[in-house]
């Protein structure tokens, strides 16, 4: 990636947030790197209220900054933009028991649903700007959350 070194402070901030403060520049698997960051946040934050607050802030930030970052980087859904994956992983674990087994399962479920692009994620991903970047990850996070809830329910029988 070749970013103009003379970009404004505002654009540097946009890129910092959208790339999850550099996680998007990890070679080969930047989306997975942001999910690992989310994994550790989820493990450390034991309060559902704080997890919800962080998730809402992350999703709002993803919508605010990902489209702008896409314009700065000059390519649709640039792989460096990973705040959407981070947000999706957080959504996966909302209202799930704080148990490392479920968090690990949530990680793999989210990555699976993110790759599969089950409708309507496949159509939303084709939308322009922030909706296309973030929307499919929100849906993947919701699908993973539902699957995880089913697992939790079945284990409680």
Foldseek 3Di string as FASTA:
>chain_A
DDADPPDDPVLVVLLCLQLVNPLLVPPPCSLLSLLVVLLVVLLPDQDLVVLVVVLVVLLVSLQVRFLVNCVRVVHFLDSSRRSLSNSLLSLLCRPAHSDNVLSVQLSVQLVVQLVVCDPPLVVQLPDHGSSNNNVSSNVSSVVNNVVSVVVVVVVVD
